[in-house]
C-alpha atoms as a PDB file:
ATOM      1  CA  MET A   1      10.356 101.173  82.807  1.00  0.00           C
ATOM      2  CA  GLN A   2      12.306 103.908  84.585  1.00  0.00           C
ATOM      3  CA  HIS A   3      16.056 104.275  84.912  1.00  0.00           C
ATOM      4  CA  ILE A   4      17.733 103.674  88.245  1.00  0.00           C
ATOM      5  CA  ARG A   5      19.503 106.921  89.084  1.00  0.00           C
ATOM      6  CA  ILE A   6      22.934 106.344  90.651  1.00  0.00           C
ATOM      7  CA  LEU A   7      25.346 108.543  92.599  1.00  0.00           C
ATOM      8  CA  ILE A   8      28.923 107.212  92.805  1.00  0.00           C
ATOM      9  CA  VAL A   9      30.892 108.191  95.934  1.00  0.00           C
ATOM     10  CA  ASP A  10      34.584 107.265  95.993  1.00  0.00           C
ATOM     11  CA  ASP A  11      37.774 109.259  96.477  1.00  0.00           C
ATOM     12  CA  ASP A  12      39.559 107.309  93.708  1.00  0.00           C
ATOM     13  CA  ALA A  13      38.906 108.961  90.317  1.00  0.00           C
ATOM     14  CA  ARG A  14      40.063 105.869  88.389  1.00  0.00           C
ATOM     15  CA  PHE A  15      37.617 103.646  90.256  1.00  0.00           C
ATOM     16  CA  ARG A  16      34.755 106.101  89.654  1.00  0.00           C
ATOM     17  CA  LYS A  17      35.590 106.017  85.945  1.00  0.00           C
ATOM     18  CA  ILE A  18      35.570 102.202  85.941  1.00  0.00           C
ATOM     19  CA  LEU A  19      32.174 102.157  87.660  1.00  0.00           C
ATOM     20  CA  ARG A  20      30.720 104.763  85.315  1.00  0.00           C
ATOM     21  CA  GLY A  21      31.885 102.736  82.280  1.00  0.00           C
ATOM     22  CA  MET A  22      30.535  99.477  83.653  1.00  0.00           C
ATOM     23  CA  LEU A  23      27.142 100.948  84.486  1.00  0.00           C
ATOM     24  CA  ALA A  24      26.836 102.767  81.150  1.00  0.00           C
ATOM     25  CA  ASP A  25      26.411  99.417  79.384  1.00  0.00           C
ATOM     26  CA  ASP A  26      23.093  98.736  81.144  1.00  0.00           C
ATOM     27  CA  PRO A  27      20.067 100.608  79.759  1.00  0.00           C
ATOM     28  CA  ASP A  28      18.267 100.433  83.142  1.00  0.00           C
ATOM     29  CA  LEU A  29      21.015 102.387  84.918  1.00  0.00           C
ATOM     30  CA  GLU A  30      21.949 106.065  84.779  1.00  0.00           C
ATOM     31  CA  VAL A  31      24.883 107.618  86.647  1.00  0.00           C
ATOM     32  CA  ILE A  32      23.687 111.106  87.597  1.00  0.00           C
ATOM     33  CA  GLY A  33      26.688 112.270  89.603  1.00  0.00           C
ATOM     34  CA  GLU A  34      29.940 111.575  91.376  1.00  0.00           C
ATOM     35  CA  ALA A  35      31.261 112.661  94.753  1.00  0.00           C
ATOM     36  CA  VAL A  36      34.738 112.344  96.245  1.00  0.00           C
ATOM     37  CA  SER A  37      33.776 112.414  99.929  1.00  0.00           C
ATOM     38  CA  GLY A  38      31.023 111.660 102.386  1.00  0.00           C
ATOM     39  CA  GLU A  39      30.362 115.369 102.851  1.00  0.00           C
ATOM     40  CA  THR A  40      29.933 115.913  99.118  1.00  0.00           C
ATOM     41  CA  SER A  41      27.673 112.864  98.853  1.00  0.00           C
ATOM     42  CA  ILE A  42      25.226 114.425 101.330  1.00  0.00           C
ATOM     43  CA  LEU A  43      25.035 117.647  99.311  1.00  0.00           C
ATOM     44  CA  LEU A  44      24.728 115.934  95.928  1.00  0.00           C
ATOM     45  CA  ALA A  45      22.184 113.359  97.077  1.00  0.00           C
ATOM     46  CA  GLY A  46      19.948 116.142  98.384  1.00  0.00           C
ATOM     47  CA  LYS A  47      20.223 117.981  95.080  1.00  0.00           C
ATOM     48  CA  LEU A  48      20.168 115.098  92.569  1.00  0.00           C
ATOM     49  CA  LYS A  49      17.774 112.683  94.360  1.00  0.00           C
ATOM     50  CA  PRO A  50      19.404 109.383  93.301  1.00  0.00           C
ATOM     51  CA  ASP A  51      17.743 106.006  93.789  1.00  0.00           C
ATOM     52  CA  VAL A  52      21.045 104.345  94.727  1.00  0.00           C
ATOM     53  CA  VAL A  53      24.332 105.558  96.168  1.00  0.00           C
ATOM     54  CA  LEU A  54      27.423 103.448  95.550  1.00  0.00           C
ATOM     55  CA  MET A  55      29.461 104.416  98.619  1.00  0.00           C
ATOM     56  CA  ASP A  56      33.114 103.742  99.385  1.00  0.00           C
ATOM     57  CA  ILE A  57      33.484 102.787 103.032  1.00  0.00           C
ATOM     58  CA  ARG A  58      36.805 104.575 103.678  1.00  0.00           C
ATOM     59  CA  MET A  59      37.453 108.098 102.417  1.00  0.00           C
ATOM     60  CA  PRO A  60      39.217 111.159 103.799  1.00  0.00           C
ATOM     61  CA  GLY A  61      36.969 113.366 105.903  1.00  0.00           C
ATOM     62  CA  MET A  62      33.537 111.847 106.454  1.00  0.00           C
ATOM     63  CA  ASN A  63      33.703 108.111 105.833  1.00  0.00           C
ATOM     64  CA  GLY A  64      31.081 106.074 104.013  1.00  0.00           C
ATOM     65  CA  LEU A  65      29.525 104.720 107.194  1.00  0.00           C
ATOM     66  CA  ASP A  66      28.824 108.179 108.616  1.00  0.00           C
ATOM     67  CA  ALA A  67      27.586 109.448 105.264  1.00  0.00           C
ATOM     68  CA  THR A  68      25.272 106.440 104.908  1.00  0.00           C
ATOM     69  CA  ARG A  69      23.781 107.077 108.363  1.00  0.00           C
ATOM     70  CA  LEU A  70      23.083 110.703 107.512  1.00  0.00           C
ATOM     71  CA  LEU A  71      21.666 109.887 104.083  1.00  0.00           C
ATOM     72  CA  LYS A  72      19.384 107.217 105.542  1.00  0.00           C
ATOM     73  CA  LYS A  73      18.103 109.708 108.108  1.00  0.00           C
ATOM     74  CA  GLU A  74      17.508 112.441 105.514  1.00  0.00           C
ATOM     75  CA  MET A  75      16.311 110.192 102.659  1.00  0.00           C
ATOM     76  CA  PRO A  76      14.859 106.963 104.127  1.00  0.00           C
ATOM     77  CA  ASP A  77      13.975 105.479 100.710  1.00  0.00           C
ATOM     78  CA  LEU A  78      17.482 105.928  99.326  1.00  0.00           C
ATOM     79  CA  ARG A  79      19.368 102.661  98.835  1.00  0.00           C
ATOM     80  CA  THR A  80      23.076 102.645  99.616  1.00  0.00           C
ATOM     81  CA  ILE A  81      25.410  99.910  98.445  1.00  0.00           C
ATOM     82  CA  MET A  82      28.722  99.928 100.292  1.00  0.00           C
ATOM     83  CA  LEU A  83      31.779  99.227  98.142  1.00  0.00           C
ATOM     84  CA  THR A  84      35.094  98.347  99.730  1.00  0.00           C
ATOM     85  CA  ILE A  85      38.357  96.521  99.300  1.00  0.00           C
ATOM     86  CA  PHE A  86      37.953  95.105 102.808  1.00  0.00           C
ATOM     87  CA  ASP A  87      36.528  91.679 103.556  1.00  0.00           C
ATOM     88  CA  ILE A  88      36.071  92.418 107.248  1.00  0.00           C
ATOM     89  CA  ASP A  89      32.960  91.199 109.017  1.00  0.00           C
ATOM     90  CA  GLU A  90      32.930  94.178 111.407  1.00  0.00           C
ATOM     91  CA  TYR A  91      32.813  96.555 108.432  1.00  0.00           C
ATOM     92  CA  ARG A  92      30.024  94.526 106.834  1.00  0.00           C
ATOM     93  CA  GLN A  93      27.980  94.619 110.042  1.00  0.00           C
ATOM     94  CA  ALA A  94      28.642  98.350 110.542  1.00  0.00           C
ATOM     95  CA  ALA A  95      27.592  99.093 106.939  1.00  0.00           C
ATOM     96  CA  LEU A  96      24.328  97.209 107.283  1.00  0.00           C
ATOM     97  CA  LYS A  97      23.649  98.812 110.665  1.00  0.00           C
ATOM     98  CA  ALA A  98      24.283 102.249 109.124  1.00  0.00           C
ATOM     99  CA  GLY A  99      21.576 101.529 106.544  1.00  0.00           C
ATOM    100  CA  ALA A 100      23.375 100.023 103.554  1.00  0.00           C
ATOM    101  CA  VAL A 101      21.367  97.411 101.654  1.00  0.00           C
ATOM    102  CA  SER A 102      24.463  95.587 100.354  1.00  0.00           C
ATOM    103  CA  TYR A 103      28.173  95.276 101.059  1.00  0.00           C
ATOM    104  CA  ILE A 104      30.263  94.403  98.010  1.00  0.00           C
ATOM    105  CA  GLN A 105      34.002  93.983  97.712  1.00  0.00           C
ATOM    106  CA  LYS A 106      35.465  96.011  94.874  1.00  0.00           C
ATOM    107  CA  LYS A 107      37.145  92.906  93.463  1.00  0.00           C
ATOM    108  CA  SER A 108      33.649  91.383  92.996  1.00  0.00           C
ATOM    109  CA  ILE A 109      31.926  94.279  91.259  1.00  0.00           C
ATOM    110  CA  ASN A 110      31.983  92.682  87.810  1.00  0.00           C
ATOM    111  CA  GLY A 111      29.581  89.934  88.796  1.00  0.00           C
ATOM    112  CA  ASP A 112      27.843  91.329  91.863  1.00  0.00           C
ATOM    113  CA  LEU A 113      27.238  95.054  91.471  1.00  0.00           C
ATOM    114  CA  ILE A 114      24.594  95.365  88.749  1.00  0.00           C
ATOM    115  CA  PRO A 115      22.442  92.549  90.179  1.00  0.00           C
ATOM    116  CA  ALA A 116      22.697  94.177  93.639  1.00  0.00           C
ATOM    117  CA  ILE A 117      21.604  97.548  92.236  1.00  0.00           C
ATOM    118  CA  LYS A 118      18.653  96.007  90.425  1.00  0.00           C
ATOM    119  CA  GLU A 119      17.644  93.954  93.448  1.00  0.00           C
ATOM    120  CA  ALA A 120      17.770  97.039  95.662  1.00  0.00           C
ATOM    121  CA  CYS A 121      15.501  98.862  93.215  1.00  0.00           C
ATOM    122  CA  ALA A 122      13.282  95.995  92.077  1.00  0.00           C
ATOM    123  CA  ASP A 123      10.188  98.034  92.905  1.00  0.00           C
ATOM    124  CA  LYS A 124      11.323 100.865  90.624  1.00  0.00           C
ATOM    125  CA  LEU A 125      12.087  98.509  87.729  1.00  0.00           C
ATOM    126  CA  GLN A 126       8.863  96.565  88.095  1.00  0.00           C
ATOM    127  CA  GLY A 127       6.665  99.504  88.957  1.00  0.00           C
ATOM    128  CA  THR A 128       5.535  97.886  92.216  1.00  0.00           C
ATOM    129  CA  ASN A 129       6.649  98.062  95.822  1.00  0.00           C
ATOM    130  CA  VAL A 130       8.521  94.788  96.200  1.00  0.00           C
ATOM    131  CA  LEU A 131      11.014  95.805  98.897  1.00  0.00           C
END
């Protein structure tokens, strides 16, 4: 079984630390990097080759939607999970249209995030192409 390699993209350092701590408890998951902006996420994803990007939807500079579009174009197999405080249907639709595989509210990460990551990468965990 291989680890799922994760890049965290969020402009809030405290939230990145919370995510890193939460994900560290799961032996299937490995946080390989952190970015504070959409621009930085593009550079790091190209260098680090993550399986999953946990992307904040709103950040200074390039937002998560634009970064997700670019990442999907450059790395079609990359899975992006959009994380946000907003429960707005237009944002959810825009995230999915941009190429995100999931849209999760930050208040729901405790129960929803790890299952969403594993579902997005089921083929990697099982060694088959399920998606």
